[in-house]
Amino acid sequence: MTLSMTPQIQSPCKLICELDLDKGLCKGCGRSREEIAMWTRYSDAQRAFIMTELDERLEALGASD
């Protein structure tokens, strides 16, 4: 398989990498430090599940600012 044929892994990263230390979540994407570190090792199903939770997490972070 060539590099151009390598499947892309969907990521919610917005290149705003700042952790909310109280909640332990990234203010840009809503993932935890562990989720960010493990993202490429998660299955498609695991990533999809986490993606369903991110909007709610980001809303909670906005409410705490």
PDB file of N, CA and C in Angstrom:
ATOM      1  N   MET A   1       0.853  -1.175   0.000  1.00  0.00           N
ATOM      2  CA  MET A   1       0.000   0.000   0.000  1.00  0.00           C
ATOM      3  C   MET A   1       0.899   1.239   0.000  1.00  0.00           C
ATOM      4  N   THR A   2       0.610   2.173  -0.856  1.00  0.00           N
ATOM      5  CA  THR A   2       1.380   3.407  -0.898  1.00  0.00           C
ATOM      6  C   THR A   2       0.795   4.408   0.077  1.00  0.00           C
ATOM      7  N   LEU A   3       1.546   5.435   0.368  1.00  0.00           N
ATOM      8  CA  LEU A   3       1.097   6.448   1.313  1.00  0.00           C
ATOM      9  C   LEU A   3      -0.208   7.085   0.861  1.00  0.00           C
ATOM     10  N   SER A   4      -0.356   7.318  -0.425  1.00  0.00           N
ATOM     11  CA  SER A   4      -1.579   7.945  -0.927  1.00  0.00           C
ATOM     12  C   SER A   4      -2.796   7.034  -0.764  1.00  0.00           C
ATOM     13  N   MET A   5      -2.568   5.744  -0.573  1.00  0.00           N
ATOM     14  CA  MET A   5      -3.673   4.806  -0.398  1.00  0.00           C
ATOM     15  C   MET A   5      -3.972   4.544   1.081  1.00  0.00           C
ATOM     16  N   THR A   6      -3.186   5.123   1.991  1.00  0.00           N
ATOM     17  CA  THR A   6      -3.406   4.934   3.416  1.00  0.00           C
ATOM     18  C   THR A   6      -4.693   5.645   3.812  1.00  0.00           C
ATOM     19  N   PRO A   7      -5.612   4.932   4.485  1.00  0.00           N
ATOM     20  CA  PRO A   7      -6.864   5.571   4.867  1.00  0.00           C
ATOM     21  C   PRO A   7      -6.635   6.691   5.883  1.00  0.00           C
ATOM     22  N   GLN A   8      -7.404   7.742   5.755  1.00  0.00           N
ATOM     23  CA  GLN A   8      -7.337   8.863   6.685  1.00  0.00           C
ATOM     24  C   GLN A   8      -8.108   8.522   7.952  1.00  0.00           C
ATOM     25  N   ILE A   9      -7.548   8.883   9.103  1.00  0.00           N
ATOM     26  CA  ILE A   9      -8.245   8.693  10.370  1.00  0.00           C
ATOM     27  C   ILE A   9      -8.941  10.002  10.699  1.00  0.00           C
ATOM     28  N   GLN A  10     -10.244   9.942  10.886  1.00  0.00           N
ATOM     29  CA  GLN A  10     -11.015  11.133  11.216  1.00  0.00           C
ATOM     30  C   GLN A  10     -10.569  11.646  12.577  1.00  0.00           C
ATOM     31  N   SER A  11     -10.377  12.950  12.682  1.00  0.00           N
ATOM     32  CA  SER A  11      -9.951  13.557  13.932  1.00  0.00           C
ATOM     33  C   SER A  11     -10.722  14.846  14.171  1.00  0.00           C
ATOM     34  N   PRO A  12     -11.109  15.093  15.426  1.00  0.00           N
ATOM     35  CA  PRO A  12     -11.806  16.330  15.746  1.00  0.00           C
ATOM     36  C   PRO A  12     -10.846  17.482  16.059  1.00  0.00           C
ATOM     37  N   CYS A  13      -9.549  17.250  15.929  1.00  0.00           N
ATOM     38  CA  CYS A  13      -8.548  18.248  16.293  1.00  0.00           C
ATOM     39  C   CYS A  13      -8.774  19.539  15.512  1.00  0.00           C
ATOM     40  N   LYS A  14      -8.734  20.674  16.245  1.00  0.00           N
ATOM     41  CA  LYS A  14      -8.892  21.992  15.630  1.00  0.00           C
ATOM     42  C   LYS A  14      -7.621  22.813  15.781  1.00  0.00           C
ATOM     43  N   LEU A  15      -6.529  22.135  16.176  1.00  0.00           N
ATOM     44  CA  LEU A  15      -5.234  22.775  16.377  1.00  0.00           C
ATOM     45  C   LEU A  15      -5.300  23.879  17.434  1.00  0.00           C
ATOM     46  N   ILE A  16      -6.199  23.719  18.390  1.00  0.00           N
ATOM     47  CA  ILE A  16      -6.293  24.589  19.560  1.00  0.00           C
ATOM     48  C   ILE A  16      -6.002  23.689  20.749  1.00  0.00           C
ATOM     49  N   CYS A  17      -4.750  23.416  20.976  1.00  0.00           N
ATOM     50  CA  CYS A  17      -4.354  22.404  21.950  1.00  0.00           C
ATOM     51  C   CYS A  17      -4.102  23.051  23.307  1.00  0.00           C
ATOM     52  N   GLU A  18      -5.177  23.228  24.057  1.00  0.00           N
ATOM     53  CA  GLU A  18      -5.092  23.820  25.392  1.00  0.00           C
ATOM     54  C   GLU A  18      -6.001  23.023  26.308  1.00  0.00           C
ATOM     55  N   LEU A  19      -5.423  22.462  27.372  1.00  0.00           N
ATOM     56  CA  LEU A  19      -6.209  21.645  28.289  1.00  0.00           C
ATOM     57  C   LEU A  19      -6.857  22.484  29.369  1.00  0.00           C
ATOM     58  N   ASP A  20      -8.118  22.204  29.626  1.00  0.00           N
ATOM     59  CA  ASP A  20      -8.805  22.738  30.801  1.00  0.00           C
ATOM     60  C   ASP A  20      -8.388  21.831  31.952  1.00  0.00           C
ATOM     61  N   LEU A  21      -7.593  22.355  32.864  1.00  0.00           N
ATOM     62  CA  LEU A  21      -7.027  21.522  33.916  1.00  0.00           C
ATOM     63  C   LEU A  21      -8.070  21.016  34.904  1.00  0.00           C
ATOM     64  N   ASP A  22      -9.153  21.763  35.102  1.00  0.00           N
ATOM     65  CA  ASP A  22     -10.216  21.313  36.014  1.00  0.00           C
ATOM     66  C   ASP A  22     -10.962  20.114  35.460  1.00  0.00           C
ATOM     67  N   LYS A  23     -11.314  20.173  34.180  1.00  0.00           N
ATOM     68  CA  LYS A  23     -12.093  19.097  33.573  1.00  0.00           C
ATOM     69  C   LYS A  23     -11.218  18.059  32.868  1.00  0.00           C
ATOM     70  N   GLY A  24      -9.956  18.398  32.605  1.00  0.00           N
ATOM     71  CA  GLY A  24      -9.043  17.459  31.949  1.00  0.00           C
ATOM     72  C   GLY A  24      -9.360  17.245  30.483  1.00  0.00           C
ATOM     73  N   LEU A  25      -9.940  18.257  29.836  1.00  0.00           N
ATOM     74  CA  LEU A  25     -10.325  18.143  28.432  1.00  0.00           C
ATOM     75  C   LEU A  25      -9.682  19.253  27.614  1.00  0.00           C
ATOM     76  N   CYS A  26      -9.417  18.958  26.358  1.00  0.00           N
ATOM     77  CA  CYS A  26      -8.885  19.956  25.438  1.00  0.00           C
ATOM     78  C   CYS A  26      -9.982  20.968  25.117  1.00  0.00           C
ATOM     79  N   LYS A  27      -9.639  22.251  25.201  1.00  0.00           N
ATOM     80  CA  LYS A  27     -10.614  23.311  24.908  1.00  0.00           C
ATOM     81  C   LYS A  27     -10.926  23.410  23.415  1.00  0.00           C
ATOM     82  N   GLY A  28     -10.077  22.839  22.575  1.00  0.00           N
ATOM     83  CA  GLY A  28     -10.303  22.890  21.134  1.00  0.00           C
ATOM     84  C   GLY A  28     -11.198  21.779  20.630  1.00  0.00           C
ATOM     85  N   CYS A  29     -10.923  20.547  21.088  1.00  0.00           N
ATOM     86  CA  CYS A  29     -11.659  19.401  20.527  1.00  0.00           C
ATOM     87  C   CYS A  29     -12.533  18.669  21.546  1.00  0.00           C
ATOM     88  N   GLY A  30     -12.280  18.853  22.832  1.00  0.00           N
ATOM     89  CA  GLY A  30     -13.107  18.200  23.845  1.00  0.00           C
ATOM     90  C   GLY A  30     -12.617  16.830  24.286  1.00  0.00           C
ATOM     91  N   ARG A  31     -11.498  16.378  23.718  1.00  0.00           N
ATOM     92  CA  ARG A  31     -10.984  15.070  24.114  1.00  0.00           C
ATOM     93  C   ARG A  31     -10.113  15.179  25.361  1.00  0.00           C
ATOM     94  N   SER A  32     -10.021  14.053  26.075  1.00  0.00           N
ATOM     95  CA  SER A  32      -9.131  13.984  27.224  1.00  0.00           C
ATOM     96  C   SER A  32      -7.702  13.778  26.726  1.00  0.00           C
ATOM     97  N   ARG A  33      -6.743  13.995  27.623  1.00  0.00           N
ATOM     98  CA  ARG A  33      -5.336  13.784  27.270  1.00  0.00           C
ATOM     99  C   ARG A  33      -5.118  12.343  26.804  1.00  0.00           C
ATOM    100  N   GLU A  34      -5.736  11.388  27.494  1.00  0.00           N
ATOM    101  CA  GLU A  34      -5.599   9.973  27.119  1.00  0.00           C
ATOM    102  C   GLU A  34      -6.194   9.712  25.734  1.00  0.00           C
ATOM    103  N   GLU A  35      -7.376  10.272  25.476  1.00  0.00           N
ATOM    104  CA  GLU A  35      -8.012  10.076  24.165  1.00  0.00           C
ATOM    105  C   GLU A  35      -7.155  10.638  23.042  1.00  0.00           C
ATOM    106  N   ILE A  36      -6.536  11.784  23.280  1.00  0.00           N
ATOM    107  CA  ILE A  36      -5.665  12.379  22.272  1.00  0.00           C
ATOM    108  C   ILE A  36      -4.478  11.460  22.012  1.00  0.00           C
ATOM    109  N   ALA A  37      -3.866  10.978  23.085  1.00  0.00           N
ATOM    110  CA  ALA A  37      -2.684  10.118  22.949  1.00  0.00           C
ATOM    111  C   ALA A  37      -3.009   8.791  22.275  1.00  0.00           C
ATOM    112  N   MET A  38      -4.184   8.249  22.520  1.00  0.00           N
ATOM    113  CA  MET A  38      -4.553   6.929  22.012  1.00  0.00           C
ATOM    114  C   MET A  38      -5.336   6.984  20.696  1.00  0.00           C
ATOM    115  N   TRP A  39      -5.620   8.171  20.177  1.00  0.00           N
ATOM    116  CA  TRP A  39      -6.545   8.343  19.054  1.00  0.00           C
ATOM    117  C   TRP A  39      -6.243   7.422  17.880  1.00  0.00           C
ATOM    118  N   THR A  40      -5.000   7.327  17.472  1.00  0.00           N
ATOM    119  CA  THR A  40      -4.677   6.510  16.297  1.00  0.00           C
ATOM    120  C   THR A  40      -4.733   5.017  16.596  1.00  0.00           C
ATOM    121  N   ARG A  41      -4.773   4.652  17.861  1.00  0.00           N
ATOM    122  CA  ARG A  41      -4.845   3.236  18.241  1.00  0.00           C
ATOM    123  C   ARG A  41      -6.281   2.763  18.461  1.00  0.00           C
ATOM    124  N   TYR A  42      -7.199   3.698  18.614  1.00  0.00           N
ATOM    125  CA  TYR A  42      -8.602   3.328  18.797  1.00  0.00           C
ATOM    126  C   TYR A  42      -9.177   2.772  17.498  1.00  0.00           C
ATOM    127  N   SER A  43     -10.171   1.929  17.636  1.00  0.00           N
ATOM    128  CA  SER A  43     -10.880   1.429  16.453  1.00  0.00           C
ATOM    129  C   SER A  43     -11.773   2.542  15.900  1.00  0.00           C
ATOM    130  N   ASP A  44     -12.253   2.362  14.681  1.00  0.00           N
ATOM    131  CA  ASP A  44     -13.182   3.338  14.096  1.00  0.00           C
ATOM    132  C   ASP A  44     -14.405   3.506  14.984  1.00  0.00           C
ATOM    133  N   ALA A  45     -14.890   2.406  15.553  1.00  0.00           N
ATOM    134  CA  ALA A  45     -16.078   2.465  16.417  1.00  0.00           C
ATOM    135  C   ALA A  45     -15.789   3.255  17.692  1.00  0.00           C
ATOM    136  N   GLN A  46     -14.625   3.058  18.278  1.00  0.00           N
ATOM    137  CA  GLN A  46     -14.267   3.804  19.491  1.00  0.00           C
ATOM    138  C   GLN A  46     -14.165   5.301  19.192  1.00  0.00           C
ATOM    139  N   ARG A  47     -13.516   5.647  18.094  1.00  0.00           N
ATOM    140  CA  ARG A  47     -13.403   7.067  17.719  1.00  0.00           C
ATOM    141  C   ARG A  47     -14.772   7.654  17.436  1.00  0.00           C
ATOM    142  N   ALA A  48     -15.618   6.918  16.747  1.00  0.00           N
ATOM    143  CA  ALA A  48     -16.963   7.415  16.430  1.00  0.00           C
ATOM    144  C   ALA A  48     -17.762   7.665  17.702  1.00  0.00           C
ATOM    145  N   PHE A  49     -17.645   6.775  18.683  1.00  0.00           N
ATOM    146  CA  PHE A  49     -18.359   6.963  19.942  1.00  0.00           C
ATOM    147  C   PHE A  49     -17.875   8.223  20.652  1.00  0.00           C
ATOM    148  N   ILE A  50     -16.576   8.406  20.728  1.00  0.00           N
ATOM    149  CA  ILE A  50     -16.032   9.597  21.379  1.00  0.00           C
ATOM    150  C   ILE A  50     -16.497  10.853  20.654  1.00  0.00           C
ATOM    151  N   MET A  51     -16.505  10.807  19.328  1.00  0.00           N
ATOM    152  CA  MET A  51     -16.933  11.960  18.538  1.00  0.00           C
ATOM    153  C   MET A  51     -18.367  12.371  18.877  1.00  0.00           C
ATOM    154  N   THR A  52     -19.228  11.407  19.223  1.00  0.00           N
ATOM    155  CA  THR A  52     -20.619  11.747  19.559  1.00  0.00           C
ATOM    156  C   THR A  52     -20.716  12.521  20.868  1.00  0.00           C
ATOM    157  N   GLU A  53     -19.702  12.438  21.710  1.00  0.00           N
ATOM    158  CA  GLU A  53     -19.729  13.105  23.013  1.00  0.00           C
ATOM    159  C   GLU A  53     -19.075  14.486  23.009  1.00  0.00           C
ATOM    160  N   LEU A  54     -18.344  14.826  21.964  1.00  0.00           N
ATOM    161  CA  LEU A  54     -17.510  16.018  21.996  1.00  0.00           C
ATOM    162  C   LEU A  54     -18.287  17.330  22.050  1.00  0.00           C
ATOM    163  N   ASP A  55     -19.372  17.461  21.324  1.00  0.00           N
ATOM    164  CA  ASP A  55     -20.146  18.710  21.358  1.00  0.00           C
ATOM    165  C   ASP A  55     -20.625  19.012  22.777  1.00  0.00           C
ATOM    166  N   GLU A  56     -21.122  17.996  23.457  1.00  0.00           N
ATOM    167  CA  GLU A  56     -21.607  18.174  24.831  1.00  0.00           C
ATOM    168  C   GLU A  56     -20.452  18.555  25.767  1.00  0.00           C
ATOM    169  N   ARG A  57     -19.317  17.924  25.595  1.00  0.00           N
ATOM    170  CA  ARG A  57     -18.150  18.247  26.415  1.00  0.00           C
ATOM    171  C   ARG A  57     -17.713  19.688  26.192  1.00  0.00           C
ATOM    172  N   LEU A  58     -17.671  20.114  24.940  1.00  0.00           N
ATOM    173  CA  LEU A  58     -17.248  21.480  24.628  1.00  0.00           C
ATOM    174  C   LEU A  58     -18.239  22.498  25.169  1.00  0.00           C
ATOM    175  N   GLU A  59     -19.526  22.179  25.132  1.00  0.00           N
ATOM    176  CA  GLU A  59     -20.529  23.052  25.720  1.00  0.00           C
ATOM    177  C   GLU A  59     -20.299  23.194  27.220  1.00  0.00           C
ATOM    178  N   ALA A  60     -19.996  22.099  27.889  1.00  0.00           N
ATOM    179  CA  ALA A  60     -19.727  22.119  29.330  1.00  0.00           C
ATOM    180  C   ALA A  60     -18.474  22.950  29.631  1.00  0.00           C
ATOM    181  N   LEU A  61     -17.472  22.854  28.770  1.00  0.00           N
ATOM    182  CA  LEU A  61     -16.265  23.661  28.964  1.00  0.00           C
ATOM    183  C   LEU A  61     -16.574  25.134  28.804  1.00  0.00           C
ATOM    184  N   GLY A  62     -17.409  25.479  27.842  1.00  0.00           N
ATOM    185  CA  GLY A  62     -17.786  26.879  27.612  1.00  0.00           C
ATOM    186  C   GLY A  62     -18.568  27.457  28.776  1.00  0.00           C
ATOM    187  N   ALA A  63     -19.392  26.638  29.395  1.00  0.00           N
ATOM    188  CA  ALA A  63     -20.190  27.069  30.538  1.00  0.00           C
ATOM    189  C   ALA A  63     -19.320  27.328  31.750  1.00  0.00           C
ATOM    190  N   SER A  64     -18.156  26.644  31.815  1.00  0.00           N
ATOM    191  CA  SER A  64     -17.298  26.789  32.999  1.00  0.00           C
ATOM    192  C   SER A  64     -16.325  27.957  32.867  1.00  0.00           C
ATOM    193  N   ASP A  65     -16.215  28.542  31.658  1.00  0.00           N
ATOM    194  CA  ASP A  65     -15.273  29.660  31.461  1.00  0.00           C
ATOM    195  C   ASP A  65     -15.812  30.949  32.028  1.00  0.00           C
TER     196      ASP A  65
END
